[in-house]
Amino acid sequence: PFSRVFLFGPLPTMAALCSLRIVCVARAPKVAAAADDKAPEPPKLKAGSKYKDLTAAVDAGLVTGCAPFKDGVDAFGFFNNIDQADAQRYADCEITHGRVAMLASLGFLVGEEVEGSGFLFDASVTGPAINHFQQVPTFFWVALGVGVVLTEVTRINTAWQSPFEASRLFLLKDDHVPGDYGFDPLGLAKGKSTNDLKGIRMKELNNGRMAMIAIAAMVGQELNTGINVLAGDAALNQGELSNLEAKCAGAVDEAACSRAFEAAIATL
């Protein structure tokens, strides 16, 4: 169990992810100033028409690349000769999953920091975040399920064509801009120019892509190490824990050493 902490440790993982964020955000291309403040018109889409590749979808304004890959990256050729309606759905899915991943990444870390607090589920939720969902009470899942259903119904009514009227299933409305569901309770888009809105969309997309990688890495790290993300980072910087790892690795009673290691982690 000790070698896994150092083979897949939090520090190199988070450093790599932070480096990726610097590339995607700091090097994001500047958007040219718009001639007016009118909202940009969505690209003209037609089910059955096709894009030659990802570059064609980027040029049409449907998909946005991430610096230094201004035309995007499509290593598996998903966008080769793709139907425009499918490309629209992929773009909407990317933004949607990016938003969910940003919330998940934040909740993953915050949940571990406040675990065991009396105000949250009577201090009954503890341990790595990957095990939190098994510990929450039933009413939480009921409330979460209702929230998900209401959200999805709103998304469907806003962006999707009726399956009884569309030419085929799984079609978004032709004029739907991927990710635009008219949800802005804080009014962050009010008074913004077209140029400002494009910059905000780029930042959201880049941070969403970053978050999808980050949450996957954090889940993988906890599955591999069995300890909290930030606690694992602290463990790497504790000399006594390093000595404990060196002493116990390969020992006959490594299970006992593992329990001692977990007890030491709990005191951080």
C-alpha atoms as a PDB file:
ATOM      1  CA  PRO A   1       0.000   0.000   0.000  1.00  0.00           C
ATOM      2  CA  PHE A   2       2.908   2.386   0.630  1.00  0.00           C
ATOM      3  CA  SER A   3       4.551   2.078  -2.758  1.00  0.00           C
ATOM      4  CA  ARG A   4       1.270   2.959  -4.429  1.00  0.00           C
ATOM      5  CA  VAL A   5       1.254   6.345  -2.689  1.00  0.00           C
ATOM      6  CA  PHE A   6       4.605   7.208  -4.216  1.00  0.00           C
ATOM      7  CA  LEU A   7       3.999   5.673  -7.640  1.00  0.00           C
ATOM      8  CA  PHE A   8       0.748   7.556  -8.093  1.00  0.00           C
ATOM      9  CA  GLY A   9       1.234  10.385  -5.641  1.00  0.00           C
ATOM     10  CA  PRO A  10      -0.871  13.541  -5.389  1.00  0.00           C
ATOM     11  CA  LEU A  11       2.000  15.972  -5.970  1.00  0.00           C
ATOM     12  CA  PRO A  12       3.019  14.918  -9.497  1.00  0.00           C
ATOM     13  CA  THR A  13      -0.617  14.438 -10.470  1.00  0.00           C
ATOM     14  CA  MET A  14      -1.695  17.911  -9.392  1.00  0.00           C
ATOM     15  CA  ALA A  15       1.450  19.498 -10.828  1.00  0.00           C
ATOM     16  CA  ALA A  16       0.731  17.983 -14.223  1.00  0.00           C
ATOM     17  CA  LEU A  17      -2.871  19.150 -14.134  1.00  0.00           C
ATOM     18  CA  CYS A  18      -1.898  22.671 -13.111  1.00  0.00           C
ATOM     19  CA  SER A  19       0.569  22.768 -15.985  1.00  0.00           C
ATOM     20  CA  LEU A  20      -2.201  21.758 -18.379  1.00  0.00           C
ATOM     21  CA  ARG A  21      -4.407  24.546 -17.089  1.00  0.00           C
ATOM     22  CA  ILE A  22      -1.630  27.084 -17.654  1.00  0.00           C
ATOM     23  CA  VAL A  23      -1.316  25.924 -21.258  1.00  0.00           C
ATOM     24  CA  CYS A  24      -5.053  26.022 -21.935  1.00  0.00           C
ATOM     25  CA  VAL A  25      -5.866  29.317 -20.227  1.00  0.00           C
ATOM     26  CA  ALA A  26      -2.754  31.444 -20.336  1.00  0.00           C
ATOM     27  CA  ARG A  27      -2.134  30.626 -23.993  1.00  0.00           C
ATOM     28  CA  ALA A  28      -5.753  30.833 -25.103  1.00  0.00           C
ATOM     29  CA  PRO A  29      -5.990  32.889 -28.294  1.00  0.00           C
ATOM     30  CA  LYS A  30      -7.269  36.426 -27.956  1.00  0.00           C
ATOM     31  CA  VAL A  31     -10.660  37.029 -29.509  1.00  0.00           C
ATOM     32  CA  ALA A  32     -10.899  39.849 -31.992  1.00  0.00           C
ATOM     33  CA  ALA A  33     -13.128  42.731 -30.980  1.00  0.00           C
ATOM     34  CA  ALA A  34     -16.626  42.517 -32.379  1.00  0.00           C
ATOM     35  CA  ALA A  35     -18.098  45.297 -34.469  1.00  0.00           C
ATOM     36  CA  ASP A  36     -21.146  45.530 -32.200  1.00  0.00           C
ATOM     37  CA  ASP A  37     -22.544  44.083 -29.004  1.00  0.00           C
ATOM     38  CA  LYS A  38     -25.153  41.838 -30.589  1.00  0.00           C
ATOM     39  CA  ALA A  39     -25.194  38.209 -29.544  1.00  0.00           C
ATOM     40  CA  PRO A  40     -23.358  35.991 -32.061  1.00  0.00           C
ATOM     41  CA  GLU A  41     -25.616  34.009 -34.344  1.00  0.00           C
ATOM     42  CA  PRO A  42     -25.351  30.223 -34.073  1.00  0.00           C
ATOM     43  CA  PRO A  43     -23.754  28.370 -36.990  1.00  0.00           C
ATOM     44  CA  LYS A  44     -26.150  27.201 -39.657  1.00  0.00           C
ATOM     45  CA  LEU A  45     -26.781  23.499 -39.079  1.00  0.00           C
ATOM     46  CA  LYS A  46     -28.701  20.906 -41.022  1.00  0.00           C
ATOM     47  CA  ALA A  47     -29.166  17.275 -40.109  1.00  0.00           C
ATOM     48  CA  GLY A  48     -27.741  15.130 -42.894  1.00  0.00           C
ATOM     49  CA  SER A  49     -25.093  17.668 -43.903  1.00  0.00           C
ATOM     50  CA  LYS A  50     -21.578  16.798 -42.826  1.00  0.00           C
ATOM     51  CA  TYR A  51     -18.348  18.363 -41.651  1.00  0.00           C
ATOM     52  CA  LYS A  52     -15.226  16.999 -43.288  1.00  0.00           C
ATOM     53  CA  ASP A  53     -13.294  16.964 -40.015  1.00  0.00           C
ATOM     54  CA  LEU A  54     -12.823  18.799 -36.714  1.00  0.00           C
ATOM     55  CA  THR A  55     -11.137  21.740 -38.415  1.00  0.00           C
ATOM     56  CA  ALA A  56     -14.249  22.317 -40.532  1.00  0.00           C
ATOM     57  CA  ALA A  57     -16.422  22.316 -37.387  1.00  0.00           C
ATOM     58  CA  VAL A  58     -14.067  24.821 -35.731  1.00  0.00           C
ATOM     59  CA  ASP A  59     -14.121  27.054 -38.806  1.00  0.00           C
ATOM     60  CA  ALA A  60     -17.929  26.950 -38.774  1.00  0.00           C
ATOM     61  CA  GLY A  61     -17.901  28.242 -35.181  1.00  0.00           C
ATOM     62  CA  LEU A  62     -19.511  25.167 -33.650  1.00  0.00           C
ATOM     63  CA  VAL A  63     -16.446  23.861 -31.782  1.00  0.00           C
ATOM     64  CA  THR A  64     -13.663  25.802 -30.053  1.00  0.00           C
ATOM     65  CA  GLY A  65     -10.060  24.656 -29.909  1.00  0.00           C
ATOM     66  CA  CYS A  66      -7.688  24.982 -26.973  1.00  0.00           C
ATOM     67  CA  ALA A  67      -4.309  26.689 -27.351  1.00  0.00           C
ATOM     68  CA  PRO A  68      -1.870  25.685 -28.694  1.00  0.00           C
ATOM     69  CA  PHE A  69      -4.261  23.496 -30.728  1.00  0.00           C
ATOM     70  CA  LYS A  70      -6.400  26.208 -32.302  1.00  0.00           C
ATOM     71  CA  ASP A  71      -8.147  23.660 -34.523  1.00  0.00           C
ATOM     72  CA  GLY A  72      -8.742  21.266 -31.635  1.00  0.00           C
ATOM     73  CA  VAL A  73      -7.515  17.714 -31.120  1.00  0.00           C
ATOM     74  CA  ASP A  74      -9.359  14.704 -32.540  1.00  0.00           C
ATOM     75  CA  ALA A  75      -6.919  11.834 -32.107  1.00  0.00           C
ATOM     76  CA  PHE A  76      -9.580   9.171 -32.685  1.00  0.00           C
ATOM     77  CA  GLY A  77     -11.228  10.834 -35.689  1.00  0.00           C
ATOM     78  CA  PHE A  78     -14.675  11.246 -34.126  1.00  0.00           C
ATOM     79  CA  PHE A  79     -15.315  14.318 -36.266  1.00  0.00           C
ATOM     80  CA  ASN A  80     -14.215  12.817 -39.579  1.00  0.00           C
ATOM     81  CA  ASN A  81     -17.131  13.125 -42.012  1.00  0.00           C
ATOM     82  CA  ILE A  82     -19.484  13.749 -39.088  1.00  0.00           C
ATOM     83  CA  ASP A  83     -23.110  14.750 -39.429  1.00  0.00           C
ATOM     84  CA  GLN A  84     -23.566  18.403 -38.405  1.00  0.00           C
ATOM     85  CA  ALA A  85     -26.342  17.496 -35.967  1.00  0.00           C
ATOM     86  CA  ASP A  86     -24.078  14.930 -34.280  1.00  0.00           C
ATOM     87  CA  ALA A  87     -21.242  17.481 -34.083  1.00  0.00           C
ATOM     88  CA  GLN A  88     -23.635  19.933 -32.431  1.00  0.00           C
ATOM     89  CA  ARG A  89     -24.633  17.286 -29.874  1.00  0.00           C
ATOM     90  CA  TYR A  90     -20.982  16.409 -29.147  1.00  0.00           C
ATOM     91  CA  ALA A  91     -20.152  20.080 -28.558  1.00  0.00           C
ATOM     92  CA  ASP A  92     -23.112  20.461 -26.196  1.00  0.00           C
ATOM     93  CA  CYS A  93     -22.137  17.283 -24.331  1.00  0.00           C
ATOM     94  CA  GLU A  94     -18.567  18.515 -23.866  1.00  0.00           C
ATOM     95  CA  ILE A  95     -19.690  21.782 -22.275  1.00  0.00           C
ATOM     96  CA  THR A  96     -22.287  20.015 -20.117  1.00  0.00           C
ATOM     97  CA  HIS A  97     -19.835  17.405 -18.828  1.00  0.00           C
ATOM     98  CA  GLY A  98     -17.237  20.121 -18.248  1.00  0.00           C
ATOM     99  CA  ARG A  99     -19.672  21.992 -16.011  1.00  0.00           C
ATOM    100  CA  VAL A 100     -20.506  18.841 -14.069  1.00  0.00           C
ATOM    101  CA  ALA A 101     -16.794  18.054 -13.712  1.00  0.00           C
ATOM    102  CA  MET A 102     -16.048  21.534 -12.342  1.00  0.00           C
ATOM    103  CA  LEU A 103     -18.705  21.064  -9.666  1.00  0.00           C
ATOM    104  CA  ALA A 104     -17.467  17.533  -8.964  1.00  0.00           C
ATOM    105  CA  SER A 105     -13.828  18.622  -8.605  1.00  0.00           C
ATOM    106  CA  LEU A 106     -14.760  21.361  -6.163  1.00  0.00           C
ATOM    107  CA  GLY A 107     -17.117  19.098  -4.234  1.00  0.00           C
ATOM    108  CA  PHE A 108     -14.516  16.329  -4.114  1.00  0.00           C
ATOM    109  CA  LEU A 109     -11.977  18.509  -2.294  1.00  0.00           C
ATOM    110  CA  VAL A 110     -14.407  20.517  -0.155  1.00  0.00           C
ATOM    111  CA  GLY A 111     -16.254  17.358   0.882  1.00  0.00           C
ATOM    112  CA  GLU A 112     -13.058  15.838   2.221  1.00  0.00           C
ATOM    113  CA  GLU A 113     -12.140  19.004   4.092  1.00  0.00           C
ATOM    114  CA  VAL A 114     -15.474  19.276   5.927  1.00  0.00           C
ATOM    115  CA  GLU A 115     -16.015  15.541   6.466  1.00  0.00           C
ATOM    116  CA  GLY A 116     -16.784  14.645  10.053  1.00  0.00           C
ATOM    117  CA  SER A 117     -18.276  18.093  10.720  1.00  0.00           C
ATOM    118  CA  GLY A 118     -21.299  18.037  12.985  1.00  0.00           C
ATOM    119  CA  PHE A 119     -23.406  20.226  10.699  1.00  0.00           C
ATOM    120  CA  LEU A 120     -23.087  17.825   7.742  1.00  0.00           C
ATOM    121  CA  PHE A 121     -25.048  14.551   7.917  1.00  0.00           C
ATOM    122  CA  ASP A 122     -24.447  14.384  11.676  1.00  0.00           C
ATOM    123  CA  ALA A 123     -20.696  13.873  11.110  1.00  0.00           C
ATOM    124  CA  SER A 124     -21.359  10.401   9.711  1.00  0.00           C
ATOM    125  CA  VAL A 125     -19.594  10.877   6.356  1.00  0.00           C
ATOM    126  CA  THR A 126     -15.840  10.294   6.549  1.00  0.00           C
ATOM    127  CA  GLY A 127     -12.889   8.947   4.585  1.00  0.00           C
ATOM    128  CA  PRO A 128     -11.915   9.412   0.932  1.00  0.00           C
ATOM    129  CA  ALA A 129     -14.483  11.161  -1.254  1.00  0.00           C
ATOM    130  CA  ILE A 130     -14.873   8.088  -3.459  1.00  0.00           C
ATOM    131  CA  ASN A 131     -16.607   6.411  -0.482  1.00  0.00           C
ATOM    132  CA  HIS A 132     -18.814   9.331   0.563  1.00  0.00           C
ATOM    133  CA  PHE A 133     -21.786   8.487  -1.644  1.00  0.00           C
ATOM    134  CA  GLN A 134     -22.289   5.139   0.119  1.00  0.00           C
ATOM    135  CA  GLN A 135     -22.548   6.916   3.485  1.00  0.00           C
ATOM    136  CA  VAL A 136     -25.076   9.687   2.860  1.00  0.00           C
ATOM    137  CA  PRO A 137     -28.676   9.152   4.056  1.00  0.00           C
ATOM    138  CA  THR A 138     -31.569   8.202   1.777  1.00  0.00           C
ATOM    139  CA  PHE A 139     -33.205  11.646   1.777  1.00  0.00           C
ATOM    140  CA  PHE A 140     -30.090  13.070   0.095  1.00  0.00           C
ATOM    141  CA  TRP A 141     -30.476  10.661  -2.826  1.00  0.00           C
ATOM    142  CA  VAL A 142     -34.180  11.444  -3.136  1.00  0.00           C
ATOM    143  CA  ALA A 143     -33.467  15.186  -3.215  1.00  0.00           C
ATOM    144  CA  LEU A 144     -30.618  14.672  -5.668  1.00  0.00           C
ATOM    145  CA  GLY A 145     -32.778  12.508  -7.938  1.00  0.00           C
ATOM    146  CA  VAL A 146     -35.557  15.109  -8.008  1.00  0.00           C
ATOM    147  CA  GLY A 147     -33.025  17.835  -8.800  1.00  0.00           C
ATOM    148  CA  VAL A 148     -31.513  15.818 -11.642  1.00  0.00           C
ATOM    149  CA  VAL A 149     -34.914  15.068 -13.160  1.00  0.00           C
ATOM    150  CA  LEU A 150     -36.002  18.720 -13.040  1.00  0.00           C
ATOM    151  CA  THR A 151     -32.716  19.843 -14.561  1.00  0.00           C
ATOM    152  CA  GLU A 152     -32.841  17.305 -17.382  1.00  0.00           C
ATOM    153  CA  VAL A 153     -36.473  18.085 -18.195  1.00  0.00           C
ATOM    154  CA  THR A 154     -35.568  21.775 -18.477  1.00  0.00           C
ATOM    155  CA  ARG A 155     -32.601  20.980 -20.720  1.00  0.00           C
ATOM    156  CA  ILE A 156     -34.695  18.777 -22.988  1.00  0.00           C
ATOM    157  CA  ASN A 157     -37.466  21.360 -23.360  1.00  0.00           C
ATOM    158  CA  THR A 158     -34.942  24.115 -24.049  1.00  0.00           C
ATOM    159  CA  ALA A 159     -32.565  22.504 -26.505  1.00  0.00           C
ATOM    160  CA  TRP A 160     -33.918  19.260 -27.931  1.00  0.00           C
ATOM    161  CA  GLN A 161     -36.322  18.664 -30.766  1.00  0.00           C
ATOM    162  CA  SER A 162     -39.436  16.650 -30.027  1.00  0.00           C
ATOM    163  CA  PRO A 163     -38.833  13.002 -31.002  1.00  0.00           C
ATOM    164  CA  PHE A 164     -42.367  12.960 -32.462  1.00  0.00           C
ATOM    165  CA  GLU A 165     -41.635  15.836 -34.828  1.00  0.00           C
ATOM    166  CA  ALA A 166     -37.927  15.474 -35.645  1.00  0.00           C
ATOM    167  CA  SER A 167     -36.660  13.571 -38.665  1.00  0.00           C
ATOM    168  CA  ARG A 168     -34.784  11.225 -36.329  1.00  0.00           C
ATOM    169  CA  LEU A 169     -34.022  10.753 -32.641  1.00  0.00           C
ATOM    170  CA  PHE A 170     -31.468  12.679 -30.568  1.00  0.00           C
ATOM    171  CA  LEU A 171     -31.585  15.955 -32.498  1.00  0.00           C
ATOM    172  CA  LEU A 172     -30.962  19.340 -30.910  1.00  0.00           C
ATOM    173  CA  LYS A 173     -32.838  22.360 -32.209  1.00  0.00           C
ATOM    174  CA  ASP A 174     -31.128  23.832 -35.272  1.00  0.00           C
ATOM    175  CA  ASP A 175     -30.688  27.251 -33.639  1.00  0.00           C
ATOM    176  CA  HIS A 176     -29.431  25.920 -30.307  1.00  0.00           C
ATOM    177  CA  VAL A 177     -25.993  27.210 -29.311  1.00  0.00           C
ATOM    178  CA  PRO A 178     -24.137  24.393 -27.467  1.00  0.00           C
ATOM    179  CA  GLY A 179     -24.175  25.076 -23.730  1.00  0.00           C
ATOM    180  CA  ASP A 180     -26.646  27.995 -23.904  1.00  0.00           C
ATOM    181  CA  TYR A 181     -29.677  27.163 -21.774  1.00  0.00           C
ATOM    182  CA  GLY A 182     -30.548  30.707 -20.754  1.00  0.00           C
ATOM    183  CA  PHE A 183     -29.505  30.023 -17.147  1.00  0.00           C
ATOM    184  CA  ASP A 184     -27.806  33.090 -15.665  1.00  0.00           C
ATOM    185  CA  PRO A 185     -29.296  33.723 -12.201  1.00  0.00           C
ATOM    186  CA  LEU A 186     -26.479  36.111 -11.231  1.00  0.00           C
ATOM    187  CA  GLY A 187     -26.727  38.112 -14.442  1.00  0.00           C
ATOM    188  CA  LEU A 188     -23.061  37.620 -15.271  1.00  0.00           C
ATOM    189  CA  ALA A 189     -23.719  37.977 -19.003  1.00  0.00           C
ATOM    190  CA  LYS A 190     -25.710  41.184 -18.737  1.00  0.00           C
ATOM    191  CA  GLY A 191     -24.027  44.222 -20.205  1.00  0.00           C
ATOM    192  CA  LYS A 192     -21.208  42.150 -21.704  1.00  0.00           C
ATOM    193  CA  SER A 193     -20.024  42.766 -25.246  1.00  0.00           C
ATOM    194  CA  THR A 194     -19.796  40.000 -27.815  1.00  0.00           C
ATOM    195  CA  ASN A 195     -16.034  39.983 -27.351  1.00  0.00           C
ATOM    196  CA  ASP A 196     -16.378  39.600 -23.580  1.00  0.00           C
ATOM    197  CA  LEU A 197     -18.896  36.766 -23.928  1.00  0.00           C
ATOM    198  CA  LYS A 198     -16.635  34.874 -26.315  1.00  0.00           C
ATOM    199  CA  GLY A 199     -13.772  35.185 -23.839  1.00  0.00           C
ATOM    200  CA  ILE A 200     -15.956  33.935 -20.988  1.00  0.00           C
ATOM    201  CA  ARG A 201     -17.113  30.973 -23.063  1.00  0.00           C
ATOM    202  CA  MET A 202     -13.512  30.104 -23.904  1.00  0.00           C
ATOM    203  CA  LYS A 203     -12.529  30.187 -20.222  1.00  0.00           C
ATOM    204  CA  GLU A 204     -15.506  28.043 -19.248  1.00  0.00           C
ATOM    205  CA  LEU A 205     -14.731  25.498 -21.941  1.00  0.00           C
ATOM    206  CA  ASN A 206     -11.032  25.324 -21.061  1.00  0.00           C
ATOM    207  CA  ASN A 207     -11.684  25.011 -17.341  1.00  0.00           C
ATOM    208  CA  GLY A 208     -14.343  22.377 -18.004  1.00  0.00           C
ATOM    209  CA  ARG A 209     -11.877  20.325 -20.045  1.00  0.00           C
ATOM    210  CA  MET A 210      -9.349  20.716 -17.263  1.00  0.00           C
ATOM    211  CA  ALA A 211     -11.899  19.664 -14.647  1.00  0.00           C
ATOM    212  CA  MET A 212     -12.823  16.484 -16.533  1.00  0.00           C
ATOM    213  CA  ILE A 213      -9.182  15.416 -16.468  1.00  0.00           C
ATOM    214  CA  ALA A 214      -8.763  16.537 -12.844  1.00  0.00           C
ATOM    215  CA  ILE A 215     -11.734  14.654 -11.411  1.00  0.00           C
ATOM    216  CA  ALA A 216     -10.700  11.500 -13.279  1.00  0.00           C
ATOM    217  CA  ALA A 217      -7.181  11.837 -11.842  1.00  0.00           C
ATOM    218  CA  MET A 218      -8.415  12.423  -8.290  1.00  0.00           C
ATOM    219  CA  VAL A 219     -10.751   9.429  -8.408  1.00  0.00           C
ATOM    220  CA  GLY A 220      -7.984   7.268  -9.849  1.00  0.00           C
ATOM    221  CA  GLN A 221      -5.545   8.477  -7.211  1.00  0.00           C
ATOM    222  CA  GLU A 222      -7.882   7.628  -4.325  1.00  0.00           C
ATOM    223  CA  LEU A 223      -8.716   4.232  -5.805  1.00  0.00           C
ATOM    224  CA  ASN A 224      -4.993   3.590  -5.996  1.00  0.00           C
ATOM    225  CA  THR A 225      -3.875   4.973  -2.627  1.00  0.00           C
ATOM    226  CA  GLY A 226      -7.001   4.620  -0.475  1.00  0.00           C
ATOM    227  CA  ILE A 227      -6.399   7.981   1.239  1.00  0.00           C
ATOM    228  CA  ASN A 228      -7.770  11.497   0.832  1.00  0.00           C
ATOM    229  CA  VAL A 229      -6.269  13.614  -1.945  1.00  0.00           C
ATOM    230  CA  LEU A 230      -4.883  16.432   0.198  1.00  0.00           C
ATOM    231  CA  ALA A 231      -3.924  14.100   3.047  1.00  0.00           C
ATOM    232  CA  GLY A 232      -1.911  12.044   0.589  1.00  0.00           C
ATOM    233  CA  ASP A 233      -0.117  15.189  -0.547  1.00  0.00           C
ATOM    234  CA  ALA A 234       0.700  16.042   3.073  1.00  0.00           C
ATOM    235  CA  ALA A 235       1.916  12.485   3.674  1.00  0.00           C
ATOM    236  CA  LEU A 236       4.531  12.834   0.961  1.00  0.00           C
ATOM    237  CA  ASN A 237       5.995  15.798   2.819  1.00  0.00           C
ATOM    238  CA  GLN A 238       6.170  14.102   6.217  1.00  0.00           C
ATOM    239  CA  GLY A 239       9.582  12.591   6.875  1.00  0.00           C
ATOM    240  CA  GLU A 240       8.284  10.191   9.499  1.00  0.00           C
ATOM    241  CA  LEU A 241       5.777   8.733   7.085  1.00  0.00           C
ATOM    242  CA  SER A 242       8.502   8.232   4.514  1.00  0.00           C
ATOM    243  CA  ASN A 243      10.516   6.381   7.139  1.00  0.00           C
ATOM    244  CA  LEU A 244       7.465   4.289   8.004  1.00  0.00           C
ATOM    245  CA  GLU A 245       6.997   3.391   4.358  1.00  0.00           C
ATOM    246  CA  ALA A 246      10.640   2.392   3.978  1.00  0.00           C
ATOM    247  CA  LYS A 247      10.528   0.265   7.122  1.00  0.00           C
ATOM    248  CA  CYS A 248       7.267  -1.548   6.359  1.00  0.00           C
ATOM    249  CA  ALA A 249       7.424  -2.102   2.621  1.00  0.00           C
ATOM    250  CA  GLY A 250       7.841  -5.819   1.988  1.00  0.00           C
ATOM    251  CA  ALA A 251       7.555  -6.677   5.685  1.00  0.00           C
ATOM    252  CA  VAL A 252       5.999  -9.981   6.719  1.00  0.00           C
ATOM    253  CA  ASP A 253       3.168  -8.236   8.561  1.00  0.00           C
ATOM    254  CA  GLU A 254       2.566  -5.494   6.023  1.00  0.00           C
ATOM    255  CA  ALA A 255      -1.134  -5.391   6.955  1.00  0.00           C
ATOM    256  CA  ALA A 256      -0.205  -4.155  10.429  1.00  0.00           C
ATOM    257  CA  CYS A 257       2.076  -1.561   8.881  1.00  0.00           C
ATOM    258  CA  SER A 258      -0.771  -0.480   6.636  1.00  0.00           C
ATOM    259  CA  ARG A 259      -2.997   0.125   9.648  1.00  0.00           C
ATOM    260  CA  ALA A 260      -0.225   2.104  11.303  1.00  0.00           C
ATOM    261  CA  PHE A 261       0.181   4.163   8.153  1.00  0.00           C
ATOM    262  CA  GLU A 262      -3.541   4.895   8.019  1.00  0.00           C
ATOM    263  CA  ALA A 263      -3.497   5.900  11.681  1.00  0.00           C
ATOM    264  CA  ALA A 264      -0.634   8.295  10.974  1.00  0.00           C
ATOM    265  CA  ILE A 265      -2.557   9.785   8.039  1.00  0.00           C
ATOM    266  CA  ALA A 266      -5.564  10.352  10.299  1.00  0.00           C
ATOM    267  CA  THR A 267      -3.486  12.583  12.580  1.00  0.00           C
ATOM    268  CA  LEU A 268      -2.518  14.996   9.782  1.00  0.00           C
END
